[in-house]
Amino acid sequence: MKYIGLRGFYMANLQIKGIKDELYAQIKKMAASENRSVSQQVLFLIREHLSKKKHLDSSKTPARILLELSGSWEDNRKPEDIVKEIKRARKNSKKLKQGF
């Protein structure tokens, strides 16, 4: 059954089943420490999670940028030819011969 909330909008009810006692106790303790009811605390946690998720989804992480770049490099040469070119371009350094 829906009821009208403080702002005059219809608000849905949510019933959660199967919560382990340990998790419920954690939520209850957290709610008490923040002067909220268990219901208010659960709503707060859901909103916070969704807000963070939305922010993370909209921002580009280094991993996401790397994945976007994958497949973007096109080269008609064979892998062996690319490796040969890389090895040819390397320069020998005398620094390692002298030691650290």
C-alpha atoms as a PDB file:
ATOM      1  CA  MET A   1       0.000   0.000   0.000  1.00  0.00           C
ATOM      2  CA  LYS A   2       1.307   3.443  -0.870  1.00  0.00           C
ATOM      3  CA  TYR A   3       0.986   6.476   1.348  1.00  0.00           C
ATOM      4  CA  ILE A   4       1.541  10.158   0.842  1.00  0.00           C
ATOM      5  CA  GLY A   5       4.840  11.367   2.274  1.00  0.00           C
ATOM      6  CA  LEU A   6       5.754  14.716   3.750  1.00  0.00           C
ATOM      7  CA  ARG A   7       6.097  16.390   0.362  1.00  0.00           C
ATOM      8  CA  GLY A   8       2.770  15.124  -0.972  1.00  0.00           C
ATOM      9  CA  PHE A   9       4.257  12.455  -3.253  1.00  0.00           C
ATOM     10  CA  TYR A  10       3.240   8.846  -3.206  1.00  0.00           C
ATOM     11  CA  MET A  11       6.007   6.814  -1.630  1.00  0.00           C
ATOM     12  CA  ALA A  12       6.624   3.112  -2.096  1.00  0.00           C
ATOM     13  CA  ASN A  13       7.227   0.660   0.713  1.00  0.00           C
ATOM     14  CA  LEU A  14      10.022  -1.865   0.595  1.00  0.00           C
ATOM     15  CA  GLN A  15      10.198  -5.053   2.599  1.00  0.00           C
ATOM     16  CA  ILE A  16      13.519  -6.851   2.818  1.00  0.00           C
ATOM     17  CA  LYS A  17      13.515 -10.519   3.703  1.00  0.00           C
ATOM     18  CA  GLY A  18      16.331 -12.834   4.599  1.00  0.00           C
ATOM     19  CA  ILE A  19      18.682 -10.398   6.319  1.00  0.00           C
ATOM     20  CA  LYS A  20      21.129 -12.187   8.562  1.00  0.00           C
ATOM     21  CA  ASP A  21      21.019 -11.185  12.217  1.00  0.00           C
ATOM     22  CA  GLU A  22      24.625  -9.961  12.118  1.00  0.00           C
ATOM     23  CA  LEU A  23      23.921  -7.568   9.246  1.00  0.00           C
ATOM     24  CA  TYR A  24      20.735  -6.284  10.857  1.00  0.00           C
ATOM     25  CA  ALA A  25      22.617  -5.687  14.122  1.00  0.00           C
ATOM     26  CA  GLN A  26      25.277  -3.688  12.240  1.00  0.00           C
ATOM     27  CA  ILE A  27      22.639  -1.553  10.523  1.00  0.00           C
ATOM     28  CA  LYS A  28      20.778  -1.049  13.789  1.00  0.00           C
ATOM     29  CA  LYS A  29      23.977  -0.004  15.591  1.00  0.00           C
ATOM     30  CA  MET A  30      24.909   2.360  12.748  1.00  0.00           C
ATOM     31  CA  ALA A  31      21.412   3.851  12.743  1.00  0.00           C
ATOM     32  CA  ALA A  32      21.511   4.449  16.503  1.00  0.00           C
ATOM     33  CA  SER A  33      24.910   6.152  16.273  1.00  0.00           C
ATOM     34  CA  GLU A  34      23.561   8.513  13.614  1.00  0.00           C
ATOM     35  CA  ASN A  35      20.194   9.119  15.329  1.00  0.00           C
ATOM     36  CA  ARG A  36      18.211   7.411  12.576  1.00  0.00           C
ATOM     37  CA  SER A  37      15.697   4.633  12.492  1.00  0.00           C
ATOM     38  CA  VAL A  38      16.753   1.380  10.824  1.00  0.00           C
ATOM     39  CA  SER A  39      14.530   2.264   7.878  1.00  0.00           C
ATOM     40  CA  GLN A  40      16.061   5.727   7.551  1.00  0.00           C
ATOM     41  CA  GLN A  41      19.556   4.234   7.772  1.00  0.00           C
ATOM     42  CA  VAL A  42      18.854   1.690   5.028  1.00  0.00           C
ATOM     43  CA  LEU A  43      17.505   4.454   2.769  1.00  0.00           C
ATOM     44  CA  PHE A  44      20.563   6.584   3.555  1.00  0.00           C
ATOM     45  CA  LEU A  45      22.927   3.715   2.685  1.00  0.00           C
ATOM     46  CA  ILE A  46      21.090   2.985  -0.570  1.00  0.00           C
ATOM     47  CA  ARG A  47      21.139   6.643  -1.625  1.00  0.00           C
ATOM     48  CA  GLU A  48      24.826   6.960  -0.724  1.00  0.00           C
ATOM     49  CA  HIS A  49      25.723   3.824  -2.680  1.00  0.00           C
ATOM     50  CA  LEU A  50      23.750   4.885  -5.751  1.00  0.00           C
ATOM     51  CA  SER A  51      25.267   8.366  -5.635  1.00  0.00           C
ATOM     52  CA  LYS A  52      28.805   6.960  -5.515  1.00  0.00           C
ATOM     53  CA  LYS A  53      28.006   4.455  -8.262  1.00  0.00           C
ATOM     54  CA  LYS A  54      26.626   7.198 -10.502  1.00  0.00           C
ATOM     55  CA  HIS A  55      29.767   9.267  -9.932  1.00  0.00           C
ATOM     56  CA  LEU A  56      32.063   6.299 -10.624  1.00  0.00           C
ATOM     57  CA  ASP A  57      30.133   5.378 -13.747  1.00  0.00           C
ATOM     58  CA  SER A  58      30.463   8.917 -15.091  1.00  0.00           C
ATOM     59  CA  SER A  59      34.171   9.326 -14.346  1.00  0.00           C
ATOM     60  CA  LYS A  60      36.850   7.657 -16.394  1.00  0.00           C
ATOM     61  CA  THR A  61      39.215   5.538 -14.375  1.00  0.00           C
ATOM     62  CA  PRO A  62      42.668   4.656 -15.713  1.00  0.00           C
ATOM     63  CA  ALA A  63      41.443   1.109 -16.295  1.00  0.00           C
ATOM     64  CA  ARG A  64      38.465   2.362 -18.318  1.00  0.00           C
ATOM     65  CA  ILE A  65      40.714   4.603 -20.429  1.00  0.00           C
ATOM     66  CA  LEU A  66      43.051   1.683 -21.081  1.00  0.00           C
ATOM     67  CA  LEU A  67      40.139  -0.528 -22.112  1.00  0.00           C
ATOM     68  CA  GLU A  68      38.884   2.159 -24.478  1.00  0.00           C
ATOM     69  CA  LEU A  69      42.306   2.262 -26.109  1.00  0.00           C
ATOM     70  CA  SER A  70      42.469  -1.484 -26.622  1.00  0.00           C
ATOM     71  CA  GLY A  71      42.048  -2.399 -30.236  1.00  0.00           C
ATOM     72  CA  SER A  72      42.647   1.173 -31.358  1.00  0.00           C
ATOM     73  CA  TRP A  73      46.171   0.512 -32.579  1.00  0.00           C
ATOM     74  CA  GLU A  74      46.134  -0.851 -36.083  1.00  0.00           C
ATOM     75  CA  ASP A  75      49.220  -2.074 -37.870  1.00  0.00           C
ATOM     76  CA  ASN A  76      49.327  -4.195 -40.993  1.00  0.00           C
ATOM     77  CA  ARG A  77      52.725  -5.642 -40.141  1.00  0.00           C
ATOM     78  CA  LYS A  78      53.184  -9.108 -38.729  1.00  0.00           C
ATOM     79  CA  PRO A  79      53.907  -9.277 -34.984  1.00  0.00           C
ATOM     80  CA  GLU A  80      57.378 -10.654 -35.746  1.00  0.00           C
ATOM     81  CA  ASP A  81      58.193  -7.598 -37.868  1.00  0.00           C
ATOM     82  CA  ILE A  82      57.036  -5.250 -35.099  1.00  0.00           C
ATOM     83  CA  VAL A  83      59.211  -7.051 -32.556  1.00  0.00           C
ATOM     84  CA  LYS A  84      62.215  -6.860 -34.908  1.00  0.00           C
ATOM     85  CA  GLU A  85      61.722  -3.113 -35.325  1.00  0.00           C
ATOM     86  CA  ILE A  86      61.505  -2.591 -31.575  1.00  0.00           C
ATOM     87  CA  LYS A  87      64.699  -4.568 -31.015  1.00  0.00           C
ATOM     88  CA  ARG A  88      66.511  -2.642 -33.786  1.00  0.00           C
ATOM     89  CA  ALA A  89      65.483   0.669 -32.227  1.00  0.00           C
ATOM     90  CA  ARG A  90      66.936  -0.219 -28.827  1.00  0.00           C
ATOM     91  CA  LYS A  91      70.249   1.342 -27.948  1.00  0.00           C
ATOM     92  CA  ASN A  92      72.822  -0.383 -25.855  1.00  0.00           C
ATOM     93  CA  SER A  93      73.668   1.445 -22.680  1.00  0.00           C
ATOM     94  CA  LYS A  94      77.095   1.409 -21.084  1.00  0.00           C
ATOM     95  CA  LYS A  95      75.600   2.345 -17.723  1.00  0.00           C
ATOM     96  CA  LEU A  96      74.790  -1.260 -16.856  1.00  0.00           C
ATOM     97  CA  LYS A  97      78.285  -2.428 -17.770  1.00  0.00           C
ATOM     98  CA  GLN A  98      79.710  -0.091 -15.153  1.00  0.00           C
ATOM     99  CA  GLY A  99      77.419  -1.420 -12.424  1.00  0.00           C
ATOM    100  CA  PHE A 100      75.117   0.350 -10.042  1.00  0.00           C
END
